[in-house]
Amino acid sequence: IIIHKQCVILKADDIIYDKKTILPERWFKFIQLIQSRHAKAALGIIGHYLEKGDATYCRLLKELDASPTFELWNHGYTHSVGGSALVNPELPSEFYLTSLEDQVMHLYKTQDLARQKLDINLHTFGAPGNAIDQNTTFAIESCPDIWIWFFGDPKSNTVVLKRGGEIEFPTPNANFEEFSKRYDPH
């Protein structure tokens, strides 16, 4: 969406599988809102839900990705979040304080599951909790399918998108009024 010569990307994390309803109800509401506003959004999928999800879940994800409205992106395999460089820096997360081998395995496992179950290549990555370290940079650069990295290492060879604002006050509750108060249009 172009607003005042700005590109706004609605990055929505954690599109998960729900055995009873396919997606949690809040996801259906979000999808309908984006569609009704003729907006676009990037939806972060987690690899282990691709393994757990049934054929209806996979079909829905394929339909979302095939539409001009949504793009699916790699949000890790386990989505484990312990710490980051800013919060609880001693606690490991899926892509923070874990071995390069583990990070590569998790990155590629989700990539492979998306190809197998959805018949798509994911070209964007964002770490769970945005928790990354130097191994994450090496892992991302080892994966030729990843071209874009949400909030990644600015020294990376990928296109790194910087965080421009926060809409959740508190996480995971979107609050437009709080966002508007804090948003810097420059």
N, C-alpha and C. Protein backbone atom coordinates (compact mmCIF):
# COMPACT_ATOMS: atom_id res chain seq x y z
N ILE A 1 0.86 -1.16 0.00
CA ILE A 1 0.00 0.00 0.00
C ILE A 1 0.91 1.22 0.00
N ILE A 2 0.71 2.12 -0.92
CA ILE A 2 1.50 3.34 -0.96
C ILE A 2 0.72 4.44 -0.26
N ILE A 3 1.31 4.98 0.80
CA ILE A 3 0.69 6.06 1.55
C ILE A 3 1.74 7.15 1.71
N HIS A 4 1.49 8.31 1.16
CA HIS A 4 2.44 9.42 1.27
C HIS A 4 3.83 8.97 0.86
N LYS A 5 3.91 8.28 -0.29
CA LYS A 5 5.17 7.80 -0.84
C LYS A 5 5.89 6.81 0.08
N GLN A 6 5.14 6.14 0.94
CA GLN A 6 5.70 5.12 1.81
C GLN A 6 5.11 3.78 1.43
N CYS A 7 5.92 2.77 1.49
CA CYS A 7 5.43 1.42 1.27
C CYS A 7 5.16 0.81 2.65
N VAL A 8 3.94 0.42 2.88
CA VAL A 8 3.56 -0.16 4.15
C VAL A 8 3.33 -1.65 3.95
N ILE A 9 4.05 -2.47 4.70
CA ILE A 9 3.86 -3.91 4.63
C ILE A 9 3.23 -4.36 5.93
N LEU A 10 2.06 -4.95 5.82
CA LEU A 10 1.41 -5.52 6.99
C LEU A 10 1.97 -6.92 7.18
N LYS A 11 2.85 -7.06 8.15
CA LYS A 11 3.54 -8.32 8.46
C LYS A 11 2.77 -8.99 9.59
N ALA A 12 2.09 -10.07 9.24
CA ALA A 12 1.28 -10.78 10.23
C ALA A 12 1.92 -12.14 10.51
N ASP A 13 2.29 -12.34 11.75
CA ASP A 13 3.01 -13.55 12.14
C ASP A 13 2.06 -14.63 12.65
N ASP A 14 2.60 -15.82 12.59
CA ASP A 14 2.05 -16.98 13.29
C ASP A 14 0.70 -17.44 12.75
N ILE A 15 0.61 -17.65 11.45
CA ILE A 15 -0.62 -18.23 10.90
C ILE A 15 -0.57 -19.73 11.20
N ILE A 16 -1.34 -20.13 12.20
CA ILE A 16 -1.24 -21.48 12.75
C ILE A 16 -2.44 -22.34 12.36
N TYR A 17 -2.26 -23.63 12.52
CA TYR A 17 -3.31 -24.60 12.23
C TYR A 17 -4.14 -24.83 13.48
N ASP A 18 -5.46 -24.88 13.29
CA ASP A 18 -6.38 -25.21 14.37
C ASP A 18 -7.18 -26.44 13.91
N LYS A 19 -7.07 -27.51 14.66
CA LYS A 19 -7.70 -28.78 14.26
C LYS A 19 -9.21 -28.65 14.07
N LYS A 20 -9.85 -27.82 14.86
CA LYS A 20 -11.31 -27.68 14.79
C LYS A 20 -11.77 -26.72 13.71
N THR A 21 -11.05 -25.61 13.54
CA THR A 21 -11.54 -24.55 12.64
C THR A 21 -10.59 -24.24 11.48
N ILE A 22 -9.56 -25.00 11.28
CA ILE A 22 -8.51 -24.83 10.27
C ILE A 22 -7.56 -23.69 10.68
N LEU A 23 -8.07 -22.50 10.88
CA LEU A 23 -7.32 -21.36 11.42
C LEU A 23 -8.08 -20.85 12.63
N PRO A 24 -7.38 -20.24 13.58
CA PRO A 24 -8.11 -19.57 14.66
C PRO A 24 -9.03 -18.49 14.09
N GLU A 25 -10.14 -18.24 14.73
CA GLU A 25 -11.15 -17.29 14.26
C GLU A 25 -10.53 -15.91 13.96
N ARG A 26 -9.61 -15.47 14.78
CA ARG A 26 -9.01 -14.14 14.57
C ARG A 26 -8.30 -14.04 13.22
N TRP A 27 -7.79 -15.17 12.73
CA TRP A 27 -7.15 -15.17 11.42
C TRP A 27 -8.17 -14.98 10.31
N PHE A 28 -9.31 -15.62 10.42
CA PHE A 28 -10.35 -15.42 9.40
C PHE A 28 -10.81 -13.96 9.40
N LYS A 29 -10.93 -13.37 10.58
CA LYS A 29 -11.33 -11.96 10.66
C LYS A 29 -10.27 -11.07 10.01
N PHE A 30 -9.00 -11.35 10.27
CA PHE A 30 -7.91 -10.57 9.69
C PHE A 30 -7.92 -10.69 8.17
N ILE A 31 -8.03 -11.90 7.66
CA ILE A 31 -8.05 -12.14 6.22
C ILE A 31 -9.21 -11.39 5.58
N GLN A 32 -10.38 -11.46 6.18
CA GLN A 32 -11.55 -10.75 5.64
C GLN A 32 -11.35 -9.24 5.68
N LEU A 33 -10.76 -8.73 6.74
CA LEU A 33 -10.50 -7.30 6.83
C LEU A 33 -9.55 -6.84 5.73
N ILE A 34 -8.47 -7.57 5.54
CA ILE A 34 -7.50 -7.21 4.49
C ILE A 34 -8.19 -7.23 3.12
N GLN A 35 -8.96 -8.27 2.86
CA GLN A 35 -9.65 -8.37 1.57
C GLN A 35 -10.67 -7.25 1.40
N SER A 36 -11.43 -6.95 2.44
CA SER A 36 -12.47 -5.92 2.33
C SER A 36 -11.87 -4.53 2.11
N ARG A 37 -10.67 -4.30 2.58
CA ARG A 37 -10.01 -3.00 2.43
C ARG A 37 -9.14 -2.94 1.17
N HIS A 38 -9.13 -4.02 0.41
CA HIS A 38 -8.30 -4.11 -0.79
C HIS A 38 -6.84 -3.82 -0.46
N ALA A 39 -6.41 -4.32 0.68
CA ALA A 39 -5.04 -4.16 1.13
C ALA A 39 -4.26 -5.42 0.79
N LYS A 40 -3.02 -5.48 1.23
CA LYS A 40 -2.17 -6.65 1.04
C LYS A 40 -1.48 -6.93 2.37
N ALA A 41 -1.15 -8.20 2.59
CA ALA A 41 -0.47 -8.56 3.84
C ALA A 41 0.46 -9.75 3.60
N ALA A 42 1.51 -9.79 4.39
CA ALA A 42 2.46 -10.90 4.38
C ALA A 42 2.17 -11.76 5.61
N LEU A 43 1.99 -13.06 5.39
CA LEU A 43 1.57 -13.98 6.45
C LEU A 43 2.69 -14.96 6.76
N GLY A 44 3.17 -14.93 8.00
CA GLY A 44 4.26 -15.81 8.42
C GLY A 44 3.77 -17.19 8.80
N ILE A 45 4.27 -18.22 8.09
CA ILE A 45 3.87 -19.59 8.39
C ILE A 45 4.99 -20.30 9.16
N ILE A 46 4.61 -21.22 9.99
CA ILE A 46 5.53 -21.97 10.85
C ILE A 46 5.54 -23.41 10.36
N GLY A 47 6.74 -23.92 10.11
CA GLY A 47 6.90 -25.22 9.48
C GLY A 47 6.18 -26.37 10.16
N HIS A 48 6.27 -26.46 11.48
CA HIS A 48 5.66 -27.63 12.12
C HIS A 48 4.14 -27.65 11.97
N TYR A 49 3.52 -26.49 11.72
CA TYR A 49 2.08 -26.48 11.45
C TYR A 49 1.78 -27.03 10.06
N LEU A 50 2.73 -26.89 9.15
CA LEU A 50 2.55 -27.51 7.83
C LEU A 50 2.55 -29.03 7.97
N GLU A 51 3.35 -29.54 8.89
CA GLU A 51 3.36 -30.98 9.14
C GLU A 51 2.06 -31.44 9.81
N LYS A 52 1.59 -30.66 10.78
CA LYS A 52 0.38 -31.02 11.52
C LYS A 52 -0.90 -30.76 10.76
N GLY A 53 -0.88 -29.75 9.90
CA GLY A 53 -2.09 -29.32 9.22
C GLY A 53 -2.63 -30.34 8.25
N ASP A 54 -3.94 -30.37 8.12
CA ASP A 54 -4.57 -31.30 7.19
C ASP A 54 -4.63 -30.69 5.78
N ALA A 55 -5.25 -31.44 4.86
CA ALA A 55 -5.33 -31.00 3.46
C ALA A 55 -6.10 -29.69 3.32
N THR A 56 -7.11 -29.47 4.14
CA THR A 56 -7.89 -28.22 4.06
C THR A 56 -7.03 -27.03 4.46
N TYR A 57 -6.23 -27.18 5.49
CA TYR A 57 -5.30 -26.12 5.93
C TYR A 57 -4.33 -25.79 4.79
N CYS A 58 -3.73 -26.81 4.21
CA CYS A 58 -2.77 -26.59 3.14
C CYS A 58 -3.43 -25.95 1.92
N ARG A 59 -4.64 -26.39 1.59
CA ARG A 59 -5.36 -25.81 0.46
C ARG A 59 -5.66 -24.33 0.72
N LEU A 60 -6.06 -23.99 1.93
CA LEU A 60 -6.33 -22.59 2.28
C LEU A 60 -5.06 -21.74 2.15
N LEU A 61 -3.94 -22.24 2.64
CA LEU A 61 -2.68 -21.50 2.52
C LEU A 61 -2.29 -21.31 1.06
N LYS A 62 -2.46 -22.35 0.25
CA LYS A 62 -2.16 -22.24 -1.18
C LYS A 62 -3.03 -21.18 -1.84
N GLU A 63 -4.32 -21.16 -1.48
CA GLU A 63 -5.24 -20.17 -2.06
C GLU A 63 -4.86 -18.76 -1.64
N LEU A 64 -4.48 -18.60 -0.38
CA LEU A 64 -4.06 -17.27 0.08
C LEU A 64 -2.83 -16.81 -0.68
N ASP A 65 -1.85 -17.68 -0.82
CA ASP A 65 -0.61 -17.31 -1.50
C ASP A 65 -0.84 -17.05 -2.99
N ALA A 66 -1.77 -17.76 -3.60
CA ALA A 66 -2.05 -17.57 -5.03
C ALA A 66 -2.81 -16.28 -5.31
N SER A 67 -3.44 -15.72 -4.29
CA SER A 67 -4.19 -14.48 -4.48
C SER A 67 -3.22 -13.30 -4.58
N PRO A 68 -3.64 -12.21 -5.20
CA PRO A 68 -2.77 -11.03 -5.24
C PRO A 68 -2.72 -10.27 -3.91
N THR A 69 -3.45 -10.74 -2.93
CA THR A 69 -3.60 -10.04 -1.66
C THR A 69 -2.59 -10.48 -0.60
N PHE A 70 -2.16 -11.73 -0.64
CA PHE A 70 -1.32 -12.27 0.42
C PHE A 70 -0.05 -12.92 -0.13
N GLU A 71 0.99 -12.84 0.68
CA GLU A 71 2.22 -13.59 0.43
C GLU A 71 2.54 -14.36 1.70
N LEU A 72 2.87 -15.63 1.56
CA LEU A 72 3.32 -16.42 2.70
C LEU A 72 4.83 -16.29 2.83
N TRP A 73 5.31 -16.29 4.06
CA TRP A 73 6.75 -16.20 4.29
C TRP A 73 7.16 -17.14 5.42
N ASN A 74 8.44 -17.48 5.43
CA ASN A 74 9.02 -18.44 6.37
C ASN A 74 9.21 -17.79 7.73
N HIS A 75 8.53 -18.33 8.72
CA HIS A 75 8.62 -17.81 10.09
C HIS A 75 9.21 -18.87 11.03
N GLY A 76 10.08 -19.71 10.46
CA GLY A 76 10.75 -20.73 11.25
C GLY A 76 10.00 -22.05 11.25
N TYR A 77 10.61 -23.03 11.89
CA TYR A 77 10.00 -24.35 11.95
C TYR A 77 9.29 -24.58 13.28
N THR A 78 9.95 -24.28 14.41
CA THR A 78 9.34 -24.54 15.72
C THR A 78 8.70 -23.31 16.34
N HIS A 79 9.17 -22.13 15.94
CA HIS A 79 8.74 -20.86 16.51
C HIS A 79 9.09 -20.76 18.00
N SER A 80 10.18 -21.38 18.40
CA SER A 80 10.58 -21.27 19.81
C SER A 80 11.20 -19.89 20.05
N VAL A 81 10.70 -19.22 21.07
CA VAL A 81 11.19 -17.89 21.43
C VAL A 81 11.54 -17.90 22.91
N GLY A 82 12.80 -17.71 23.19
CA GLY A 82 13.26 -17.60 24.57
C GLY A 82 13.71 -16.18 24.83
N GLY A 83 14.79 -15.81 24.15
CA GLY A 83 15.34 -14.48 24.32
C GLY A 83 15.81 -13.91 23.00
N SER A 84 16.39 -12.72 23.10
CA SER A 84 16.99 -12.04 21.95
C SER A 84 18.11 -11.17 22.48
N ALA A 85 18.79 -10.47 21.60
CA ALA A 85 19.86 -9.58 22.04
C ALA A 85 19.33 -8.48 22.96
N LEU A 86 18.03 -8.15 22.84
CA LEU A 86 17.44 -7.06 23.62
C LEU A 86 16.69 -7.53 24.85
N VAL A 87 16.10 -8.71 24.80
CA VAL A 87 15.27 -9.22 25.90
C VAL A 87 15.75 -10.61 26.27
N ASN A 88 16.07 -10.82 27.55
CA ASN A 88 16.57 -12.12 28.02
C ASN A 88 17.70 -12.64 27.14
N PRO A 89 18.80 -11.89 27.01
CA PRO A 89 19.85 -12.24 26.05
C PRO A 89 20.56 -13.57 26.32
N GLU A 90 20.34 -14.16 27.49
CA GLU A 90 20.98 -15.44 27.79
C GLU A 90 20.15 -16.64 27.36
N LEU A 91 18.89 -16.40 26.95
CA LEU A 91 17.99 -17.50 26.57
C LEU A 91 18.01 -17.73 25.06
N PRO A 92 18.19 -18.98 24.62
CA PRO A 92 18.17 -19.24 23.18
C PRO A 92 16.76 -19.20 22.61
N SER A 93 16.69 -18.86 21.33
CA SER A 93 15.46 -18.92 20.54
C SER A 93 15.78 -19.74 19.29
N GLU A 94 14.81 -19.96 18.45
CA GLU A 94 15.04 -20.79 17.27
C GLU A 94 16.20 -20.29 16.42
N PHE A 95 16.34 -18.97 16.27
CA PHE A 95 17.40 -18.40 15.44
C PHE A 95 18.31 -17.46 16.25
N TYR A 96 18.45 -17.75 17.52
CA TYR A 96 19.30 -16.94 18.40
C TYR A 96 19.96 -17.87 19.41
N LEU A 97 21.29 -17.81 19.47
CA LEU A 97 22.09 -18.64 20.38
C LEU A 97 21.91 -20.14 20.12
N THR A 98 21.65 -20.49 18.88
CA THR A 98 21.59 -21.89 18.48
C THR A 98 22.62 -22.09 17.38
N SER A 99 23.00 -23.33 17.16
CA SER A 99 24.08 -23.62 16.21
C SER A 99 23.66 -23.27 14.78
N LEU A 100 24.66 -23.01 13.97
CA LEU A 100 24.42 -22.75 12.56
C LEU A 100 23.71 -23.95 11.93
N GLU A 101 24.13 -25.14 12.29
CA GLU A 101 23.52 -26.36 11.73
C GLU A 101 22.03 -26.42 12.05
N ASP A 102 21.67 -26.12 13.31
CA ASP A 102 20.25 -26.14 13.69
C ASP A 102 19.47 -25.07 12.95
N GLN A 103 20.04 -23.88 12.83
CA GLN A 103 19.33 -22.80 12.15
C GLN A 103 19.12 -23.13 10.67
N VAL A 104 20.15 -23.67 10.02
CA VAL A 104 20.01 -24.05 8.62
C VAL A 104 18.95 -25.14 8.48
N MET A 105 18.98 -26.13 9.38
CA MET A 105 18.02 -27.22 9.32
C MET A 105 16.59 -26.69 9.45
N HIS A 106 16.35 -25.78 10.41
CA HIS A 106 15.00 -25.24 10.62
C HIS A 106 14.55 -24.39 9.44
N LEU A 107 15.44 -23.59 8.91
CA LEU A 107 15.12 -22.75 7.76
C LEU A 107 14.73 -23.62 6.56
N TYR A 108 15.57 -24.59 6.25
CA TYR A 108 15.34 -25.44 5.09
C TYR A 108 14.16 -26.38 5.28
N LYS A 109 13.93 -26.83 6.51
CA LYS A 109 12.80 -27.73 6.74
C LYS A 109 11.49 -27.04 6.40
N THR A 110 11.34 -25.79 6.81
CA THR A 110 10.12 -25.04 6.47
C THR A 110 10.06 -24.77 4.97
N GLN A 111 11.18 -24.44 4.37
CA GLN A 111 11.21 -24.23 2.91
C GLN A 111 10.75 -25.49 2.19
N ASP A 112 11.29 -26.64 2.61
CA ASP A 112 10.95 -27.92 1.97
C ASP A 112 9.48 -28.27 2.18
N LEU A 113 8.97 -28.05 3.38
CA LEU A 113 7.55 -28.34 3.65
C LEU A 113 6.64 -27.46 2.79
N ALA A 114 7.00 -26.20 2.60
CA ALA A 114 6.19 -25.31 1.76
C ALA A 114 6.18 -25.81 0.32
N ARG A 115 7.31 -26.31 -0.15
CA ARG A 115 7.35 -26.85 -1.51
C ARG A 115 6.52 -28.14 -1.61
N GLN A 116 6.68 -29.02 -0.62
CA GLN A 116 6.00 -30.31 -0.66
C GLN A 116 4.49 -30.17 -0.46
N LYS A 117 4.09 -29.42 0.55
CA LYS A 117 2.67 -29.36 0.93
C LYS A 117 1.88 -28.28 0.19
N LEU A 118 2.58 -27.19 -0.19
CA LEU A 118 1.88 -26.05 -0.79
C LEU A 118 2.27 -25.79 -2.24
N ASP A 119 3.34 -26.44 -2.68
CA ASP A 119 3.87 -26.25 -4.02
C ASP A 119 4.26 -24.79 -4.26
N ILE A 120 4.87 -24.17 -3.23
CA ILE A 120 5.36 -22.80 -3.38
C ILE A 120 6.76 -22.68 -2.80
N ASN A 121 7.49 -21.70 -3.30
CA ASN A 121 8.79 -21.33 -2.75
C ASN A 121 8.59 -20.08 -1.91
N LEU A 122 9.05 -20.13 -0.69
CA LEU A 122 8.97 -18.96 0.18
C LEU A 122 10.21 -18.10 -0.08
N HIS A 123 9.99 -16.81 -0.33
CA HIS A 123 11.11 -15.93 -0.67
C HIS A 123 11.44 -14.92 0.42
N THR A 124 10.67 -14.95 1.50
CA THR A 124 10.87 -14.00 2.59
C THR A 124 11.00 -14.76 3.89
N PHE A 125 11.81 -14.22 4.80
CA PHE A 125 12.02 -14.84 6.11
C PHE A 125 11.92 -13.78 7.20
N GLY A 126 11.37 -14.18 8.33
CA GLY A 126 11.37 -13.36 9.53
C GLY A 126 11.49 -14.30 10.72
N ALA A 127 12.44 -14.05 11.60
CA ALA A 127 12.69 -14.93 12.74
C ALA A 127 11.60 -14.78 13.80
N PRO A 128 11.24 -15.87 14.46
CA PRO A 128 10.30 -15.78 15.58
C PRO A 128 10.83 -14.81 16.64
N GLY A 129 9.99 -13.89 17.06
CA GLY A 129 10.41 -12.90 18.05
C GLY A 129 11.48 -11.95 17.53
N ASN A 130 11.76 -12.01 16.22
CA ASN A 130 12.82 -11.21 15.60
C ASN A 130 14.17 -11.44 16.27
N ALA A 131 14.33 -12.61 16.90
CA ALA A 131 15.56 -12.95 17.61
C ALA A 131 16.53 -13.62 16.65
N ILE A 132 17.66 -12.94 16.37
CA ILE A 132 18.65 -13.45 15.43
C ILE A 132 20.05 -13.26 15.99
N ASP A 133 21.00 -13.97 15.39
CA ASP A 133 22.41 -13.79 15.71
C ASP A 133 23.21 -13.94 14.42
N GLN A 134 24.53 -13.98 14.53
CA GLN A 134 25.37 -14.08 13.33
C GLN A 134 25.13 -15.38 12.57
N ASN A 135 24.80 -16.46 13.28
CA ASN A 135 24.51 -17.71 12.58
C ASN A 135 23.30 -17.57 11.67
N THR A 136 22.36 -16.73 12.06
CA THR A 136 21.17 -16.53 11.24
C THR A 136 21.55 -15.92 9.90
N THR A 137 22.48 -14.99 9.92
CA THR A 137 22.94 -14.37 8.68
C THR A 137 23.52 -15.43 7.76
N PHE A 138 24.37 -16.30 8.29
CA PHE A 138 24.96 -17.37 7.48
C PHE A 138 23.88 -18.32 6.96
N ALA A 139 22.91 -18.65 7.81
CA ALA A 139 21.83 -19.56 7.41
C ALA A 139 21.02 -18.95 6.28
N ILE A 140 20.63 -17.69 6.41
CA ILE A 140 19.83 -17.02 5.38
C ILE A 140 20.61 -16.94 4.08
N GLU A 141 21.87 -16.60 4.16
CA GLU A 141 22.67 -16.46 2.95
C GLU A 141 22.97 -17.80 2.29
N SER A 142 22.77 -18.89 3.01
CA SER A 142 22.95 -20.23 2.41
C SER A 142 21.71 -20.67 1.64
N CYS A 143 20.63 -19.94 1.75
CA CYS A 143 19.35 -20.35 1.15
C CYS A 143 19.04 -19.43 -0.03
N PRO A 144 19.27 -19.90 -1.26
CA PRO A 144 19.07 -19.03 -2.43
C PRO A 144 17.62 -18.60 -2.66
N ASP A 145 16.66 -19.32 -2.07
CA ASP A 145 15.26 -18.93 -2.25
C ASP A 145 14.89 -17.70 -1.44
N ILE A 146 15.60 -17.42 -0.36
CA ILE A 146 15.28 -16.27 0.50
C ILE A 146 15.91 -15.02 -0.09
N TRP A 147 15.07 -14.07 -0.48
CA TRP A 147 15.51 -12.81 -1.06
C TRP A 147 15.29 -11.63 -0.11
N ILE A 148 14.30 -11.77 0.78
CA ILE A 148 13.90 -10.67 1.66
C ILE A 148 13.91 -11.16 3.09
N TRP A 149 14.38 -10.30 4.00
CA TRP A 149 14.50 -10.67 5.40
C TRP A 149 13.89 -9.56 6.25
N PHE A 150 12.80 -9.89 6.97
CA PHE A 150 12.21 -8.92 7.88
C PHE A 150 13.14 -8.70 9.07
N PHE A 151 13.53 -7.46 9.29
CA PHE A 151 14.28 -7.02 10.46
C PHE A 151 15.58 -7.81 10.63
N GLY A 152 16.24 -8.10 9.51
CA GLY A 152 17.46 -8.90 9.53
C GLY A 152 18.72 -8.09 9.72
N ASP A 153 19.83 -8.77 9.54
CA ASP A 153 21.16 -8.18 9.66
C ASP A 153 21.38 -7.24 8.47
N PRO A 154 21.58 -5.95 8.71
CA PRO A 154 21.74 -5.01 7.59
C PRO A 154 22.95 -5.31 6.71
N LYS A 155 23.88 -6.11 7.21
CA LYS A 155 25.06 -6.47 6.42
C LYS A 155 24.78 -7.67 5.51
N SER A 156 23.61 -8.24 5.59
CA SER A 156 23.24 -9.41 4.80
C SER A 156 23.16 -9.07 3.31
N ASN A 157 23.36 -10.10 2.49
CA ASN A 157 23.22 -9.94 1.04
C ASN A 157 21.77 -9.95 0.58
N THR A 158 20.83 -10.20 1.48
CA THR A 158 19.42 -10.18 1.14
C THR A 158 18.89 -8.74 1.27
N VAL A 159 17.70 -8.53 0.78
CA VAL A 159 17.03 -7.24 1.01
C VAL A 159 16.50 -7.30 2.44
N VAL A 160 16.98 -6.40 3.28
CA VAL A 160 16.57 -6.38 4.68
C VAL A 160 15.57 -5.24 4.87
N LEU A 161 14.38 -5.62 5.33
CA LEU A 161 13.35 -4.62 5.60
C LEU A 161 13.44 -4.22 7.07
N LYS A 162 13.54 -2.93 7.30
CA LYS A 162 13.64 -2.42 8.67
C LYS A 162 12.26 -2.25 9.28
N ARG A 163 12.23 -2.31 10.58
CA ARG A 163 10.98 -2.09 11.31
C ARG A 163 10.67 -0.60 11.29
N GLY A 164 9.46 -0.27 10.83
CA GLY A 164 9.10 1.14 10.72
C GLY A 164 8.11 1.60 11.76
N GLY A 165 7.49 0.69 12.43
CA GLY A 165 6.51 1.06 13.43
C GLY A 165 5.90 -0.18 14.05
N GLU A 166 5.26 0.02 15.13
CA GLU A 166 4.62 -1.09 15.85
C GLU A 166 3.13 -0.82 15.91
N ILE A 167 2.34 -1.85 15.69
CA ILE A 167 0.89 -1.69 15.72
C ILE A 167 0.26 -2.45 16.88
N GLU A 168 1.05 -3.27 17.56
CA GLU A 168 0.52 -4.07 18.67
C GLU A 168 0.83 -3.40 20.01
N PHE A 169 -0.21 -3.13 20.76
CA PHE A 169 -0.08 -2.52 22.08
C PHE A 169 -1.12 -3.14 23.01
N PRO A 170 -0.80 -4.16 23.78
CA PRO A 170 0.44 -4.95 23.79
C PRO A 170 0.34 -6.09 22.76
N THR A 171 1.48 -6.75 22.52
CA THR A 171 1.51 -7.91 21.64
C THR A 171 0.55 -8.95 22.19
N PRO A 172 -0.30 -9.55 21.42
CA PRO A 172 -0.54 -9.48 19.98
C PRO A 172 -1.77 -8.66 19.61
N ASN A 173 -2.07 -7.64 20.35
CA ASN A 173 -3.30 -6.87 20.16
C ASN A 173 -3.07 -5.61 19.34
N ALA A 174 -3.59 -5.60 18.12
CA ALA A 174 -3.47 -4.42 17.27
C ALA A 174 -4.30 -3.29 17.86
N ASN A 175 -3.73 -2.09 17.86
CA ASN A 175 -4.41 -0.93 18.42
C ASN A 175 -4.09 0.27 17.52
N PHE A 176 -5.02 0.60 16.63
CA PHE A 176 -4.79 1.65 15.66
C PHE A 176 -4.56 3.01 16.32
N GLU A 177 -5.29 3.31 17.40
CA GLU A 177 -5.13 4.60 18.07
C GLU A 177 -3.71 4.77 18.62
N GLU A 178 -3.20 3.73 19.28
CA GLU A 178 -1.83 3.78 19.81
C GLU A 178 -0.82 3.88 18.67
N PHE A 179 -1.04 3.12 17.62
CA PHE A 179 -0.16 3.18 16.46
C PHE A 179 -0.12 4.60 15.91
N SER A 180 -1.29 5.23 15.74
CA SER A 180 -1.38 6.58 15.18
C SER A 180 -0.65 7.59 16.05
N LYS A 181 -0.74 7.45 17.36
CA LYS A 181 -0.07 8.38 18.27
C LYS A 181 1.45 8.29 18.15
N ARG A 182 1.95 7.08 17.92
CA ARG A 182 3.39 6.85 17.94
C ARG A 182 4.04 6.86 16.56
N TYR A 183 3.24 6.84 15.50
CA TYR A 183 3.78 6.70 14.16
C TYR A 183 4.51 7.98 13.73
N ASP A 184 5.73 7.83 13.24
CA ASP A 184 6.51 8.94 12.71
C ASP A 184 6.45 8.88 11.19
N PRO A 185 5.73 9.79 10.54
CA PRO A 185 5.58 9.73 9.08
C PRO A 185 6.88 9.99 8.31
N HIS A 186 7.91 10.44 9.02
CA HIS A 186 9.18 10.71 8.33
C HIS A 186 10.09 9.52 8.40
